[in-house]
Amino acid sequence: MRPKHNITVAIEPSLLKRARAVAARRGRSVSALLADELRQLVAADAGYAAARKRALALLAAPLALGGSPLNRETLHERRRLR
């Protein structure tokens, strides 16, 4: 079992009462409910960070559309206007 740290959380009495009721229905403690929620929050944040990193890497990579790259002269050729 990993060591745990105690924290102090200030919440409204009515919220604590409702949280205790939820915990009792689930057969858990309020502390366990909060720990579960924090784990989910941290996991979601880590998932977001990983997805953001992948997306930025895709944006930084050149987009391969096939074919050969065009040079400046070809891009600015105006034969049709002459």
PDB file of N, CA and C in Angstrom:
ATOM      1  N   MET A   1       0.850  -1.191   0.000  1.00  0.00           N
ATOM      2  CA  MET A   1       0.000   0.000   0.000  1.00  0.00           C
ATOM      3  C   MET A   1       0.886   1.241   0.000  1.00  0.00           C
ATOM      4  N   ARG A   2       0.565   2.167  -0.868  1.00  0.00           N
ATOM      5  CA  ARG A   2       1.338   3.399  -0.959  1.00  0.00           C
ATOM      6  C   ARG A   2       1.016   4.319   0.211  1.00  0.00           C
ATOM      7  N   PRO A   3       2.015   5.091   0.644  1.00  0.00           N
ATOM      8  CA  PRO A   3       1.730   6.049   1.724  1.00  0.00           C
ATOM      9  C   PRO A   3       0.764   7.125   1.221  1.00  0.00           C
ATOM     10  N   LYS A   4      -0.060   7.609   2.115  1.00  0.00           N
ATOM     11  CA  LYS A   4      -1.043   8.632   1.755  1.00  0.00           C
ATOM     12  C   LYS A   4      -0.811   9.870   2.594  1.00  0.00           C
ATOM     13  N   HIS A   5      -1.230  10.991   2.066  1.00  0.00           N
ATOM     14  CA  HIS A   5      -1.116  12.268   2.769  1.00  0.00           C
ATOM     15  C   HIS A   5      -2.512  12.783   3.070  1.00  0.00           C
ATOM     16  N   ASN A   6      -2.654  13.368   4.210  1.00  0.00           N
ATOM     17  CA  ASN A   6      -3.922  13.997   4.579  1.00  0.00           C
ATOM     18  C   ASN A   6      -3.944  15.422   4.056  1.00  0.00           C
ATOM     19  N   ILE A   7      -5.113  15.848   3.593  1.00  0.00           N
ATOM     20  CA  ILE A   7      -5.289  17.232   3.164  1.00  0.00           C
ATOM     21  C   ILE A   7      -6.537  17.784   3.842  1.00  0.00           C
ATOM     22  N   THR A   8      -6.624  19.086   3.886  1.00  0.00           N
ATOM     23  CA  THR A   8      -7.802  19.740   4.438  1.00  0.00           C
ATOM     24  C   THR A   8      -8.544  20.402   3.293  1.00  0.00           C
ATOM     25  N   VAL A   9      -9.832  20.157   3.222  1.00  0.00           N
ATOM     26  CA  VAL A   9     -10.663  20.729   2.167  1.00  0.00           C
ATOM     27  C   VAL A   9     -11.801  21.483   2.833  1.00  0.00           C
ATOM     28  N   ALA A  10     -12.011  22.707   2.404  1.00  0.00           N
ATOM     29  CA  ALA A  10     -13.107  23.515   2.947  1.00  0.00           C
ATOM     30  C   ALA A  10     -14.266  23.490   1.958  1.00  0.00           C
ATOM     31  N   ILE A  11     -15.399  22.925   2.383  1.00  0.00           N
ATOM     32  CA  ILE A  11     -16.595  22.880   1.539  1.00  0.00           C
ATOM     33  C   ILE A  11     -17.810  23.248   2.380  1.00  0.00           C
ATOM     34  N   GLU A  12     -18.881  23.589   1.699  1.00  0.00           N
ATOM     35  CA  GLU A  12     -20.107  23.970   2.387  1.00  0.00           C
ATOM     36  C   GLU A  12     -20.688  22.760   3.118  1.00  0.00           C
ATOM     37  N   PRO A  13     -21.301  22.997   4.275  1.00  0.00           N
ATOM     38  CA  PRO A  13     -21.899  21.890   5.034  1.00  0.00           C
ATOM     39  C   PRO A  13     -22.923  21.087   4.234  1.00  0.00           C
ATOM     40  N   SER A  14     -23.725  21.763   3.422  1.00  0.00           N
ATOM     41  CA  SER A  14     -24.740  21.041   2.642  1.00  0.00           C
ATOM     42  C   SER A  14     -24.088  20.118   1.610  1.00  0.00           C
ATOM     43  N   LEU A  15     -22.986  20.556   1.020  1.00  0.00           N
ATOM     44  CA  LEU A  15     -22.267  19.714   0.063  1.00  0.00           C
ATOM     45  C   LEU A  15     -21.657  18.508   0.757  1.00  0.00           C
ATOM     46  N   LEU A  16     -21.091  18.715   1.934  1.00  0.00           N
ATOM     47  CA  LEU A  16     -20.521  17.604   2.695  1.00  0.00           C
ATOM     48  C   LEU A  16     -21.601  16.585   3.049  1.00  0.00           C
ATOM     49  N   LYS A  17     -22.762  17.069   3.438  1.00  0.00           N
ATOM     50  CA  LYS A  17     -23.865  16.167   3.790  1.00  0.00           C
ATOM     51  C   LYS A  17     -24.264  15.315   2.586  1.00  0.00           C
ATOM     52  N   ARG A  18     -24.378  15.948   1.419  1.00  0.00           N
ATOM     53  CA  ARG A  18     -24.745  15.210   0.207  1.00  0.00           C
ATOM     54  C   ARG A  18     -23.629  14.263  -0.219  1.00  0.00           C
ATOM     55  N   ALA A  19     -22.376  14.683  -0.047  1.00  0.00           N
ATOM     56  CA  ALA A  19     -21.241  13.816  -0.395  1.00  0.00           C
ATOM     57  C   ALA A  19     -21.205  12.587   0.507  1.00  0.00           C
ATOM     58  N   ARG A  20     -21.496  12.778   1.785  1.00  0.00           N
ATOM     59  CA  ARG A  20     -21.549  11.633   2.709  1.00  0.00           C
ATOM     60  C   ARG A  20     -22.649  10.657   2.303  1.00  0.00           C
ATOM     61  N   ALA A  21     -23.782  11.190   1.853  1.00  0.00           N
ATOM     62  CA  ALA A  21     -24.886  10.327   1.417  1.00  0.00           C
ATOM     63  C   ALA A  21     -24.484   9.522   0.179  1.00  0.00           C
ATOM     64  N   VAL A  22     -23.827  10.173  -0.767  1.00  0.00           N
ATOM     65  CA  VAL A  22     -23.355   9.476  -1.974  1.00  0.00           C
ATOM     66  C   VAL A  22     -22.347   8.404  -1.595  1.00  0.00           C
ATOM     67  N   ALA A  23     -21.418   8.756  -0.725  1.00  0.00           N
ATOM     68  CA  ALA A  23     -20.396   7.796  -0.292  1.00  0.00           C
ATOM     69  C   ALA A  23     -21.035   6.600   0.400  1.00  0.00           C
ATOM     70  N   ALA A  24     -22.027   6.844   1.237  1.00  0.00           N
ATOM     71  CA  ALA A  24     -22.701   5.753   1.947  1.00  0.00           C
ATOM     72  C   ALA A  24     -23.419   4.829   0.970  1.00  0.00           C
ATOM     73  N   ARG A  25     -24.089   5.406  -0.030  1.00  0.00           N
ATOM     74  CA  ARG A  25     -24.781   4.578  -1.027  1.00  0.00           C
ATOM     75  C   ARG A  25     -23.799   3.707  -1.805  1.00  0.00           C
ATOM     76  N   ARG A  26     -22.597   4.211  -2.007  1.00  0.00           N
ATOM     77  CA  ARG A  26     -21.589   3.462  -2.771  1.00  0.00           C
ATOM     78  C   ARG A  26     -20.705   2.586  -1.881  1.00  0.00           C
ATOM     79  N   GLY A  27     -20.927   2.664  -0.580  1.00  0.00           N
ATOM     80  CA  GLY A  27     -20.107   1.882   0.343  1.00  0.00           C
ATOM     81  C   GLY A  27     -18.670   2.360   0.402  1.00  0.00           C
ATOM     82  N   ARG A  28     -18.474   3.651   0.256  1.00  0.00           N
ATOM     83  CA  ARG A  28     -17.144   4.260   0.240  1.00  0.00           C
ATOM     84  C   ARG A  28     -17.107   5.391   1.249  1.00  0.00           C
ATOM     85  N   SER A  29     -15.920   5.906   1.467  1.00  0.00           N
ATOM     86  CA  SER A  29     -15.774   7.088   2.311  1.00  0.00           C
ATOM     87  C   SER A  29     -15.728   8.324   1.414  1.00  0.00           C
ATOM     88  N   VAL A  30     -15.967   9.471   2.004  1.00  0.00           N
ATOM     89  CA  VAL A  30     -15.860  10.723   1.251  1.00  0.00           C
ATOM     90  C   VAL A  30     -14.430  10.881   0.755  1.00  0.00           C
ATOM     91  N   SER A  31     -13.472  10.514   1.582  1.00  0.00           N
ATOM     92  CA  SER A  31     -12.068  10.590   1.189  1.00  0.00           C
ATOM     93  C   SER A  31     -11.791   9.731  -0.047  1.00  0.00           C
ATOM     94  N   ALA A  32     -12.347   8.512  -0.077  1.00  0.00           N
ATOM     95  CA  ALA A  32     -12.150   7.629  -1.234  1.00  0.00           C
ATOM     96  C   ALA A  32     -12.810   8.206  -2.482  1.00  0.00           C
ATOM     97  N   LEU A  33     -13.990   8.802  -2.320  1.00  0.00           N
ATOM     98  CA  LEU A  33     -14.659   9.435  -3.461  1.00  0.00           C
ATOM     99  C   LEU A  33     -13.802  10.559  -4.036  1.00  0.00           C
ATOM    100  N   LEU A  34     -13.274  11.398  -3.155  1.00  0.00           N
ATOM    101  CA  LEU A  34     -12.434  12.508  -3.608  1.00  0.00           C
ATOM    102  C   LEU A  34     -11.164  11.998  -4.279  1.00  0.00           C
ATOM    103  N   ALA A  35     -10.552  10.966  -3.713  1.00  0.00           N
ATOM    104  CA  ALA A  35      -9.336  10.403  -4.305  1.00  0.00           C
ATOM    105  C   ALA A  35      -9.626   9.859  -5.703  1.00  0.00           C
ATOM    106  N   ASP A  36     -10.761   9.176  -5.865  1.00  0.00           N
ATOM    107  CA  ASP A  36     -11.142   8.658  -7.186  1.00  0.00           C
ATOM    108  C   ASP A  36     -11.331   9.789  -8.192  1.00  0.00           C
ATOM    109  N   GLU A  37     -12.012  10.829  -7.775  1.00  0.00           N
ATOM    110  CA  GLU A  37     -12.245  11.967  -8.666  1.00  0.00           C
ATOM    111  C   GLU A  37     -10.935  12.642  -9.053  1.00  0.00           C
ATOM    112  N   LEU A  38     -10.024  12.776  -8.090  1.00  0.00           N
ATOM    113  CA  LEU A  38      -8.727  13.384  -8.396  1.00  0.00           C
ATOM    114  C   LEU A  38      -7.925  12.517  -9.361  1.00  0.00           C
ATOM    115  N   ARG A  39      -7.982  11.191  -9.184  1.00  0.00           N
ATOM    116  CA  ARG A  39      -7.295  10.288 -10.123  1.00  0.00           C
ATOM    117  C   ARG A  39      -7.835  10.478 -11.539  1.00  0.00           C
ATOM    118  N   GLN A  40      -9.155  10.551 -11.667  1.00  0.00           N
ATOM    119  CA  GLN A  40      -9.770  10.741 -12.986  1.00  0.00           C
ATOM    120  C   GLN A  40      -9.389  12.089 -13.590  1.00  0.00           C
ATOM    121  N   LEU A  41      -9.365  13.121 -12.770  1.00  0.00           N
ATOM    122  CA  LEU A  41      -8.991  14.453 -13.235  1.00  0.00           C
ATOM    123  C   LEU A  41      -7.555  14.466 -13.747  1.00  0.00           C
ATOM    124  N   VAL A  42      -6.651  13.867 -12.986  1.00  0.00           N
ATOM    125  CA  VAL A  42      -5.238  13.829 -13.372  1.00  0.00           C
ATOM    126  C   VAL A  42      -5.055  12.994 -14.639  1.00  0.00           C
ATOM    127  N   ALA A  43      -5.753  11.862 -14.735  1.00  0.00           N
ATOM    128  CA  ALA A  43      -5.654  11.012 -15.926  1.00  0.00           C
ATOM    129  C   ALA A  43      -6.180  11.742 -17.160  1.00  0.00           C
ATOM    130  N   ALA A  44      -7.289  12.447 -17.016  1.00  0.00           N
ATOM    131  CA  ALA A  44      -7.854  13.198 -18.138  1.00  0.00           C
ATOM    132  C   ALA A  44      -6.901  14.299 -18.573  1.00  0.00           C
ATOM    133  N   ASP A  45      -6.273  14.960 -17.619  1.00  0.00           N
ATOM    134  CA  ASP A  45      -5.332  16.019 -17.942  1.00  0.00           C
ATOM    135  C   ASP A  45      -4.119  15.450 -18.663  1.00  0.00           C
ATOM    136  N   ALA A  46      -3.629  14.305 -18.213  1.00  0.00           N
ATOM    137  CA  ALA A  46      -2.487  13.662 -18.865  1.00  0.00           C
ATOM    138  C   ALA A  46      -2.867  13.235 -20.281  1.00  0.00           C
ATOM    139  N   GLY A  47      -4.079  12.732 -20.451  1.00  0.00           N
ATOM    140  CA  GLY A  47      -4.549  12.349 -21.781  1.00  0.00           C
ATOM    141  C   GLY A  47      -4.639  13.542 -22.708  1.00  0.00           C
ATOM    142  N   TYR A  48      -5.114  14.662 -22.188  1.00  0.00           N
ATOM    143  CA  TYR A  48      -5.203  15.887 -22.975  1.00  0.00           C
ATOM    144  C   TYR A  48      -3.813  16.351 -23.383  1.00  0.00           C
ATOM    145  N   ALA A  49      -2.870  16.315 -22.438  1.00  0.00           N
ATOM    146  CA  ALA A  49      -1.507  16.757 -22.733  1.00  0.00           C
ATOM    147  C   ALA A  49      -0.875  15.878 -23.809  1.00  0.00           C
ATOM    148  N   ALA A  50      -1.097  14.575 -23.736  1.00  0.00           N
ATOM    149  CA  ALA A  50      -0.538  13.661 -24.737  1.00  0.00           C
ATOM    150  C   ALA A  50      -1.170  13.916 -26.106  1.00  0.00           C
ATOM    151  N   ALA A  51      -2.480  14.123 -26.141  1.00  0.00           N
ATOM    152  CA  ALA A  51      -3.164  14.392 -27.408  1.00  0.00           C
ATOM    153  C   ALA A  51      -2.700  15.716 -28.003  1.00  0.00           C
ATOM    154  N   ARG A  52      -2.501  16.704 -27.163  1.00  0.00           N
ATOM    155  CA  ARG A  52      -2.021  18.011 -27.629  1.00  0.00           C
ATOM    156  C   ARG A  52      -0.630  17.884 -28.226  1.00  0.00           C
ATOM    157  N   LYS A  53       0.225  17.106 -27.565  1.00  0.00           N
ATOM    158  CA  LYS A  53       1.589  16.902 -28.054  1.00  0.00           C
ATOM    159  C   LYS A  53       1.571  16.213 -29.420  1.00  0.00           C
ATOM    160  N   ARG A  54       0.708  15.191 -29.573  1.00  0.00           N
ATOM    161  CA  ARG A  54       0.594  14.496 -30.863  1.00  0.00           C
ATOM    162  C   ARG A  54       0.079  15.439 -31.948  1.00  0.00           C
ATOM    163  N   ALA A  55      -0.915  16.250 -31.614  1.00  0.00           N
ATOM    164  CA  ALA A  55      -1.485  17.175 -32.596  1.00  0.00           C
ATOM    165  C   ALA A  55      -0.460  18.212 -33.031  1.00  0.00           C
ATOM    166  N   LEU A  56       0.306  18.736 -32.096  1.00  0.00           N
ATOM    167  CA  LEU A  56       1.332  19.719 -32.447  1.00  0.00           C
ATOM    168  C   LEU A  56       2.418  19.092 -33.307  1.00  0.00           C
ATOM    169  N   ALA A  57       2.759  17.832 -33.042  1.00  0.00           N
ATOM    170  CA  ALA A  57       3.757  17.141 -33.864  1.00  0.00           C
ATOM    171  C   ALA A  57       3.234  16.960 -35.284  1.00  0.00           C
ATOM    172  N   LEU A  58       1.953  16.633 -35.425  1.00  0.00           N
ATOM    173  CA  LEU A  58       1.374  16.495 -36.765  1.00  0.00           C
ATOM    174  C   LEU A  58       1.374  17.822 -37.512  1.00  0.00           C
ATOM    175  N   LEU A  59       1.100  18.905 -36.805  1.00  0.00           N
ATOM    176  CA  LEU A  59       1.103  20.221 -37.443  1.00  0.00           C
ATOM    177  C   LEU A  59       2.503  20.640 -37.871  1.00  0.00           C
ATOM    178  N   ALA A  60       3.509  20.225 -37.115  1.00  0.00           N
ATOM    179  CA  ALA A  60       4.884  20.605 -37.423  1.00  0.00           C
ATOM    180  C   ALA A  60       5.443  19.808 -38.597  1.00  0.00           C
ATOM    181  N   ALA A  61       4.920  18.615 -38.829  1.00  0.00           N
ATOM    182  CA  ALA A  61       5.414  17.769 -39.917  1.00  0.00           C
ATOM    183  C   ALA A  61       4.844  18.257 -41.243  1.00  0.00           C
ATOM    184  N   PRO A  62       5.653  18.188 -42.300  1.00  0.00           N
ATOM    185  CA  PRO A  62       5.130  18.597 -43.605  1.00  0.00           C
ATOM    186  C   PRO A  62       4.036  17.638 -44.071  1.00  0.00           C
ATOM    187  N   LEU A  63       3.096  18.175 -44.773  1.00  0.00           N
ATOM    188  CA  LEU A  63       1.974  17.390 -45.257  1.00  0.00           C
ATOM    189  C   LEU A  63       2.332  16.790 -46.614  1.00  0.00           C
ATOM    190  N   ALA A  64       2.388  15.474 -46.698  1.00  0.00           N
ATOM    191  CA  ALA A  64       2.735  14.796 -47.949  1.00  0.00           C
ATOM    192  C   ALA A  64       1.462  14.565 -48.753  1.00  0.00           C
ATOM    193  N   LEU A  65       1.316  15.304 -49.843  1.00  0.00           N
ATOM    194  CA  LEU A  65       0.131  15.177 -50.678  1.00  0.00           C
ATOM    195  C   LEU A  65       0.420  14.413 -51.965  1.00  0.00           C
ATOM    196  N   GLY A  66       1.629  13.934 -52.105  1.00  0.00           N
ATOM    197  CA  GLY A  66       2.003  13.213 -53.316  1.00  0.00           C
ATOM    198  C   GLY A  66       2.508  14.170 -54.376  1.00  0.00           C
ATOM    199  N   GLY A  67       3.128  13.628 -55.394  1.00  0.00           N
ATOM    200  CA  GLY A  67       3.656  14.458 -56.462  1.00  0.00           C
ATOM    201  C   GLY A  67       4.969  15.097 -56.071  1.00  0.00           C
ATOM    202  N   SER A  68       5.539  15.822 -57.012  1.00  0.00           N
ATOM    203  CA  SER A  68       6.817  16.475 -56.737  1.00  0.00           C
ATOM    204  C   SER A  68       6.568  17.923 -56.343  1.00  0.00           C
ATOM    205  N   PRO A  69       7.463  18.475 -55.542  1.00  0.00           N
ATOM    206  CA  PRO A  69       7.280  19.869 -55.132  1.00  0.00           C
ATOM    207  C   PRO A  69       7.454  20.817 -56.321  1.00  0.00           C
ATOM    208  N   LEU A  70       6.712  21.890 -56.320  1.00  0.00           N
ATOM    209  CA  LEU A  70       6.803  22.872 -57.393  1.00  0.00           C
ATOM    210  C   LEU A  70       7.839  23.926 -57.035  1.00  0.00           C
ATOM    211  N   ASN A  71       8.555  24.405 -58.061  1.00  0.00           N
ATOM    212  CA  ASN A  71       9.516  25.479 -57.804  1.00  0.00           C
ATOM    213  C   ASN A  71       8.822  26.826 -57.999  1.00  0.00           C
ATOM    214  N   ARG A  72       9.525  27.873 -57.691  1.00  0.00           N
ATOM    215  CA  ARG A  72       8.939  29.212 -57.732  1.00  0.00           C
ATOM    216  C   ARG A  72       8.498  29.596 -59.140  1.00  0.00           C
ATOM    217  N   GLU A  73       9.321  29.271 -60.116  1.00  0.00           N
ATOM    218  CA  GLU A  73       9.004  29.642 -61.497  1.00  0.00           C
ATOM    219  C   GLU A  73       7.708  28.975 -61.965  1.00  0.00           C
ATOM    220  N   THR A  74       7.559  27.710 -61.621  1.00  0.00           N
ATOM    221  CA  THR A  74       6.350  26.992 -62.020  1.00  0.00           C
ATOM    222  C   THR A  74       5.124  27.581 -61.336  1.00  0.00           C
ATOM    223  N   LEU A  75       5.271  27.905 -60.079  1.00  0.00           N
ATOM    224  CA  LEU A  75       4.138  28.461 -59.337  1.00  0.00           C
ATOM    225  C   LEU A  75       3.683  29.804 -59.887  1.00  0.00           C
ATOM    226  N   HIS A  76       4.638  30.610 -60.376  1.00  0.00           N
ATOM    227  CA  HIS A  76       4.312  31.964 -60.824  1.00  0.00           C
ATOM    228  C   HIS A  76       4.246  32.086 -62.343  1.00  0.00           C
ATOM    229  N   GLU A  77       4.216  30.978 -63.033  1.00  0.00           N
ATOM    230  CA  GLU A  77       4.152  30.985 -64.487  1.00  0.00           C
ATOM    231  C   GLU A  77       2.818  31.580 -64.934  1.00  0.00           C
ATOM    232  N   ARG A  78       2.882  32.457 -65.938  1.00  0.00           N
ATOM    233  CA  ARG A  78       1.660  33.136 -66.381  1.00  0.00           C
ATOM    234  C   ARG A  78       1.505  33.034 -67.903  1.00  0.00           C
ATOM    235  N   ARG A  79       1.692  31.878 -68.414  1.00  0.00           N
ATOM    236  CA  ARG A  79       1.575  31.708 -69.862  1.00  0.00           C
ATOM    237  C   ARG A  79       0.185  32.091 -70.358  1.00  0.00           C
ATOM    238  N   ARG A  80      -0.810  31.780 -69.598  1.00  0.00           N
ATOM    239  CA  ARG A  80      -2.177  32.045 -70.055  1.00  0.00           C
ATOM    240  C   ARG A  80      -2.455  33.541 -70.199  1.00  0.00           C
ATOM    241  N   LEU A  81      -1.701  34.359 -69.493  1.00  0.00           N
ATOM    242  CA  LEU A  81      -1.940  35.803 -69.551  1.00  0.00           C
ATOM    243  C   LEU A  81      -1.188  36.466 -70.700  1.00  0.00           C
ATOM    244  N   ARG A  82      -0.264  35.756 -71.318  1.00  0.00           N
ATOM    245  CA  ARG A  82       0.540  36.352 -72.398  1.00  0.00           C
ATOM    246  C   ARG A  82      -0.086  36.177 -73.737  1.00  0.00           C
TER     247      ARG A  82
END
